[in-house]
Amino acid sequence: MAVNVTPLHDRVLIRRVEEKETVKGGIIIPDTAKEKSQEGEVIAVGSGKFEKGERIPLDVKSGDRVLFGKYSGTDIKIEDQEYLILREEEILAKLGGTAKAASSKK
């Protein structure tokens, strides 16, 4: 799926990665009770921000898995798909290929 959105400067477009709908005991959690995921996949990145007359490129690229703060960015909807647009500085970490986000619930 191609998204025709290009973030400006140091902004990043992210699609949230959905968490599992069941917990360890097999209980299904309804959508209204779930918290939004803090893990996502980078869909598009801006060209970088200007600092002292030079453009500083971003550290993330399309396809990267990232962690971000619970209240970071702005939720947007494009063609019935929900995305998050935020500044690069709001990204907390990049995840490796097999890494999983740490859940606050155990």
Protein backbone atom coordinates (compact mmCIF):
# COMPACT_ATOMS: atom_id res chain seq x y z
CA MET A 1 0.00 0.00 0.00
CA ALA A 2 1.49 3.33 -1.06
CA VAL A 3 0.72 6.43 0.96
CA ASN A 4 1.08 9.72 -0.91
CA VAL A 5 2.13 11.71 2.14
CA THR A 6 5.56 13.24 2.62
CA PRO A 7 6.24 14.61 6.09
CA LEU A 8 8.04 17.95 6.24
CA HIS A 9 11.41 18.63 7.85
CA ASP A 10 12.05 16.35 10.87
CA ARG A 11 8.61 14.73 10.99
CA VAL A 12 7.90 11.02 10.61
CA LEU A 13 4.74 9.17 9.51
CA ILE A 14 4.15 6.00 11.54
CA ARG A 15 1.59 3.19 11.39
CA ARG A 16 0.94 1.71 14.83
CA VAL A 17 1.59 -2.01 15.26
CA GLU A 18 -1.50 -3.59 16.79
CA GLU A 19 -1.10 -5.65 19.95
CA LYS A 20 -2.61 -9.10 20.45
CA GLU A 21 -6.28 -9.18 21.36
CA THR A 22 -5.95 -11.90 24.01
CA VAL A 23 -4.03 -12.12 27.27
CA LYS A 24 -2.27 -15.09 28.83
CA GLY A 25 -5.46 -16.59 30.26
CA GLY A 26 -7.23 -16.51 26.88
CA ILE A 27 -9.46 -13.55 27.73
CA ILE A 28 -10.30 -11.41 24.70
CA ILE A 29 -9.84 -7.68 25.29
CA PRO A 30 -12.34 -5.44 23.47
CA ASP A 31 -11.09 -2.46 21.42
CA THR A 32 -12.59 0.03 23.86
CA ALA A 33 -10.51 -1.35 26.75
CA LYS A 34 -7.19 -1.55 24.90
CA GLU A 35 -4.52 1.11 25.16
CA LYS A 36 -2.99 2.34 21.93
CA SER A 37 0.25 0.66 21.00
CA GLN A 38 3.49 2.58 21.53
CA GLU A 39 5.25 0.61 18.82
CA GLY A 40 5.02 1.35 15.11
CA GLU A 41 6.49 1.05 11.66
CA VAL A 42 7.94 4.09 9.91
CA ILE A 43 6.05 4.67 6.66
CA ALA A 44 7.60 7.96 5.46
CA VAL A 45 10.18 10.46 6.71
CA GLY A 46 10.87 14.12 6.06
CA SER A 47 14.10 15.43 4.56
CA GLY A 48 15.54 16.57 7.91
CA LYS A 49 15.67 19.82 9.81
CA PHE A 50 17.89 22.83 9.25
CA GLU A 51 20.44 23.66 11.90
CA LYS A 52 23.00 26.44 11.39
CA GLY A 53 22.22 26.54 7.68
CA GLU A 54 22.76 22.81 7.09
CA ARG A 55 20.17 20.08 6.70
CA ILE A 56 20.52 17.34 9.33
CA PRO A 57 19.23 13.98 7.95
CA LEU A 58 16.98 11.78 10.11
CA ASP A 59 18.25 8.66 11.88
CA VAL A 60 15.17 6.61 10.96
CA LYS A 61 14.06 5.44 7.52
CA SER A 62 10.98 3.79 6.03
CA GLY A 63 10.47 0.27 7.30
CA ASP A 64 12.12 0.82 10.72
CA ARG A 65 10.25 -0.36 13.84
CA VAL A 66 10.24 2.30 16.54
CA LEU A 67 8.98 3.00 20.06
CA PHE A 68 7.40 6.36 20.90
CA GLY A 69 5.76 8.01 23.89
CA LYS A 70 2.15 7.35 24.83
CA TYR A 71 1.02 10.93 24.14
CA SER A 72 3.42 11.73 21.29
CA GLY A 73 2.46 13.06 17.89
CA THR A 74 -0.84 13.67 16.17
CA ASP A 75 -3.24 10.96 15.03
CA ILE A 76 -4.36 11.31 11.41
CA LYS A 77 -6.54 9.21 9.11
CA ILE A 78 -5.69 8.65 5.44
CA GLU A 79 -7.91 6.45 3.25
CA ASP A 80 -9.53 4.71 6.27
CA GLN A 81 -6.10 3.86 7.75
CA GLU A 82 -4.91 5.48 10.99
CA TYR A 83 -1.40 6.92 11.21
CA LEU A 84 0.63 8.97 13.64
CA ILE A 85 2.77 11.92 12.60
CA LEU A 86 5.44 13.10 15.02
CA ARG A 87 8.84 14.74 15.24
CA GLU A 88 11.92 12.55 15.17
CA GLU A 89 12.87 13.73 18.67
CA GLU A 90 9.65 12.13 20.00
CA ILE A 91 10.87 8.68 18.90
CA LEU A 92 12.36 6.91 21.91
CA ALA A 93 14.14 3.96 20.24
CA LYS A 94 14.57 1.89 17.09
CA LEU A 95 13.83 -1.81 17.45
CA GLY A 96 15.95 -4.58 15.94
CA GLY A 97 14.49 -7.15 13.54
CA THR A 98 13.27 -9.65 16.15
CA ALA A 99 12.86 -7.30 19.11
CA LYS A 100 9.45 -6.96 20.74
CA ALA A 101 8.13 -3.93 22.56
CA ALA A 102 8.17 -4.27 26.32
CA SER A 103 4.68 -4.28 27.69
CA SER A 104 3.84 -2.47 30.90
CA LYS A 105 1.32 -5.24 31.75
CA LYS A 106 2.67 -8.57 32.93
